[in-house]
Amino acid sequence: MIICKVMKHIILAVLGLAMTLSVPAQAEETDPVAAWNADRTLPVDAAGLDLSAFQWVARPVVVFADSPNDPQFVQQMELFADRPEELALRDVVVIFDTDPEARGDIRLELRPRGFMLALVGKDGQIEARKTRPWDVRELSRSIDKMPMRQQEIQDRRGVDP
């Protein structure tokens, strides 16, 4: 139990450090989908990212906050860090934006005010917006009700509709 809490704090510290540092390697990345596919458990910085890159490939869950120190943002990222395999199973890419001054494309498109989580379907449509942290179980239930996810489940089972 103590080791899990220590690991969680280490993960959050690394995430916080990554968010505060300039990350030119990610900005230079030409294929954000390939980077996400390399490790589907790592959150992706929204800086310079276009949501359309993930259309028909992944379900973006975009987490906005006005600061990486926002308690709701920290709580949300902890919830995601607790069950990353559930998100990966559902083709979820976690994207974060904690810099309202940068006025990135995703922030301008989704127009958050303070903390906000947006679930975007594989078709690019906004499926849900939340102004409070959402645990992975609730998020998974919402995704599992989507028609495209239902089809994916049937396809994986080899069942005809």
Protein backbone atom coordinates (compact mmCIF):
# COMPACT_ATOMS: atom_id res chain seq x y z
CA MET A 1 0.00 0.00 0.00
CA ILE A 2 2.76 2.44 0.96
CA ILE A 3 4.78 1.43 -2.11
CA CYS A 4 1.76 2.12 -4.35
CA LYS A 5 1.36 5.60 -2.87
CA VAL A 6 5.08 6.29 -3.30
CA MET A 7 4.92 5.14 -6.94
CA LYS A 8 1.87 7.31 -7.54
CA HIS A 9 3.69 10.35 -6.16
CA ILE A 10 6.73 9.58 -8.32
CA ILE A 11 4.53 9.29 -11.42
CA LEU A 12 2.81 12.57 -10.62
CA ALA A 13 6.14 14.29 -9.93
CA VAL A 14 7.50 13.12 -13.28
CA LEU A 15 4.27 14.19 -15.00
CA GLY A 16 4.49 17.60 -13.32
CA LEU A 17 8.10 17.98 -14.37
CA ALA A 18 7.27 17.01 -17.95
CA MET A 19 4.48 19.59 -18.03
CA THR A 20 6.70 22.40 -16.78
CA LEU A 21 9.64 21.68 -19.06
CA SER A 22 9.80 22.58 -22.70
CA VAL A 23 9.47 19.36 -24.69
CA PRO A 24 10.87 20.04 -28.15
CA ALA A 25 11.04 16.33 -29.03
CA GLN A 26 7.27 16.03 -28.72
CA ALA A 27 6.70 19.26 -30.63
CA GLU A 28 8.89 17.89 -33.44
CA GLU A 29 7.06 14.56 -33.47
CA THR A 30 5.37 14.35 -36.86
CA ASP A 31 3.10 11.45 -36.00
CA PRO A 32 1.37 11.84 -32.63
CA VAL A 33 -0.52 8.57 -33.17
CA ALA A 34 2.76 6.64 -33.48
CA ALA A 35 4.04 8.26 -30.29
CA TRP A 36 0.81 7.31 -28.48
CA ASN A 37 0.96 3.77 -29.84
CA ALA A 38 4.51 3.41 -28.47
CA ASP A 39 3.12 3.73 -24.93
CA ARG A 40 -0.64 4.09 -24.58
CA THR A 41 -0.40 4.65 -20.83
CA LEU A 42 1.41 8.00 -20.98
CA PRO A 43 -0.53 11.28 -21.15
CA VAL A 44 0.17 13.50 -24.15
CA ASP A 45 0.75 17.25 -23.97
CA ALA A 46 -1.75 19.18 -26.08
CA ALA A 47 0.86 21.72 -27.21
CA GLY A 48 1.00 21.72 -31.00
CA LEU A 49 -1.39 18.78 -31.24
CA ASP A 50 -4.37 18.48 -33.59
CA LEU A 51 -7.24 16.28 -32.41
CA SER A 52 -7.97 15.21 -35.98
CA ALA A 53 -4.77 13.15 -35.92
CA PHE A 54 -6.59 10.69 -33.64
CA GLN A 55 -9.85 10.57 -35.61
CA TRP A 56 -10.97 6.95 -36.24
CA VAL A 57 -7.91 5.74 -34.27
CA ALA A 58 -8.42 6.71 -30.63
CA ARG A 59 -10.83 8.34 -28.21
CA PRO A 60 -9.19 11.51 -26.90
CA VAL A 61 -9.92 12.43 -23.30
CA VAL A 62 -8.70 15.99 -22.93
CA VAL A 63 -8.03 17.30 -19.44
CA PHE A 64 -7.79 21.06 -19.05
CA ALA A 65 -6.71 23.13 -16.06
CA ASP A 66 -5.33 26.60 -15.54
CA SER A 67 -2.28 25.17 -13.76
CA PRO A 68 -0.63 21.76 -13.34
CA ASN A 69 -1.08 22.35 -9.61
CA ASP A 70 -4.89 22.58 -9.84
CA PRO A 71 -6.14 20.03 -7.25
CA GLN A 72 -8.83 18.75 -9.62
CA PHE A 73 -6.24 18.25 -12.37
CA VAL A 74 -3.92 16.39 -9.99
CA GLN A 75 -6.81 14.22 -8.80
CA GLN A 76 -7.89 13.46 -12.38
CA MET A 77 -4.40 12.44 -13.43
CA GLU A 78 -4.10 10.23 -10.32
CA LEU A 79 -7.37 8.51 -11.25
CA PHE A 80 -6.04 7.84 -14.75
CA ALA A 81 -2.67 6.65 -13.40
CA ASP A 82 -4.45 4.11 -11.17
CA ARG A 83 -6.05 2.21 -14.11
CA PRO A 84 -4.21 2.97 -17.36
CA GLU A 85 -4.89 -0.50 -18.77
CA GLU A 86 -8.65 0.17 -18.75
CA LEU A 87 -8.09 3.30 -20.82
CA ALA A 88 -5.71 1.56 -23.24
CA LEU A 89 -8.24 -1.25 -23.74
CA ARG A 90 -10.75 1.35 -24.95
CA ASP A 91 -8.27 3.16 -27.23
CA VAL A 92 -8.22 6.25 -25.00
CA VAL A 93 -5.47 8.80 -25.44
CA VAL A 94 -5.22 11.15 -22.45
CA ILE A 95 -4.30 14.65 -23.58
CA PHE A 96 -3.61 17.43 -21.09
CA ASP A 97 -3.44 21.21 -21.35
CA THR A 98 -2.52 23.20 -18.25
CA ASP A 99 -1.40 26.39 -19.99
CA PRO A 100 -4.29 28.71 -20.86
CA GLU A 101 -1.82 31.44 -21.86
CA ALA A 102 -0.54 29.29 -24.76
CA ARG A 103 -4.02 29.30 -26.36
CA GLY A 104 -3.42 26.00 -28.14
CA ASP A 105 -5.68 24.77 -30.92
CA ILE A 106 -7.40 22.17 -28.75
CA ARG A 107 -8.09 24.73 -26.02
CA LEU A 108 -9.50 27.17 -28.58
CA GLU A 109 -11.68 24.42 -30.08
CA LEU A 110 -13.09 23.05 -26.80
CA ARG A 111 -13.15 26.37 -24.89
CA PRO A 112 -12.72 25.19 -21.27
CA ARG A 113 -13.11 27.44 -18.25
CA GLY A 114 -10.82 26.27 -15.48
CA PHE A 115 -10.81 22.52 -14.96
CA MET A 116 -12.62 20.52 -17.61
CA LEU A 117 -12.51 17.02 -19.02
CA ALA A 118 -13.80 16.37 -22.54
CA LEU A 119 -14.41 12.91 -23.99
CA VAL A 120 -14.15 12.90 -27.77
CA GLY A 121 -15.34 9.93 -29.81
CA LYS A 122 -13.31 8.26 -32.53
CA ASP A 123 -15.50 10.13 -35.01
CA GLY A 124 -14.28 13.46 -33.60
CA GLN A 125 -17.57 14.36 -31.90
CA ILE A 126 -17.60 15.58 -28.31
CA GLU A 127 -19.36 12.89 -26.29
CA ALA A 128 -19.15 14.42 -22.80
CA ARG A 129 -17.83 17.39 -20.86
CA LYS A 130 -17.20 17.25 -17.13
CA THR A 131 -16.23 20.05 -14.76
CA ARG A 132 -15.17 17.64 -12.00
CA PRO A 133 -12.78 14.70 -12.06
CA TRP A 134 -14.24 11.52 -13.49
CA ASP A 135 -12.99 8.13 -12.40
CA VAL A 136 -11.96 5.50 -14.93
CA ARG A 137 -14.91 3.30 -14.08
CA GLU A 138 -17.44 6.04 -14.94
CA LEU A 139 -15.50 6.99 -18.06
CA SER A 140 -15.33 3.34 -19.15
CA ARG A 141 -19.07 2.91 -18.72
CA SER A 142 -19.73 5.96 -20.84
CA ILE A 143 -17.40 4.73 -23.58
CA ASP A 144 -18.81 1.20 -23.47
CA LYS A 145 -22.28 2.58 -24.27
CA MET A 146 -21.07 4.21 -27.50
CA PRO A 147 -22.20 2.43 -30.69
CA MET A 148 -18.67 2.26 -32.09
CA ARG A 149 -17.36 0.69 -28.86
CA GLN A 150 -20.22 -1.83 -28.93
CA GLN A 151 -19.16 -2.76 -32.47
CA GLU A 152 -15.53 -3.11 -31.35
CA ILE A 153 -16.58 -5.47 -28.56
CA GLN A 154 -18.61 -7.58 -31.00
CA ASP A 155 -15.74 -7.63 -33.50
CA ARG A 156 -13.27 -8.79 -30.84
CA ARG A 157 -15.60 -11.58 -29.81
CA GLY A 158 -16.18 -12.55 -33.42
CA VAL A 159 -19.95 -12.06 -33.03
CA ASP A 160 -22.12 -10.87 -35.89
CA PRO A 161 -24.58 -8.08 -34.98
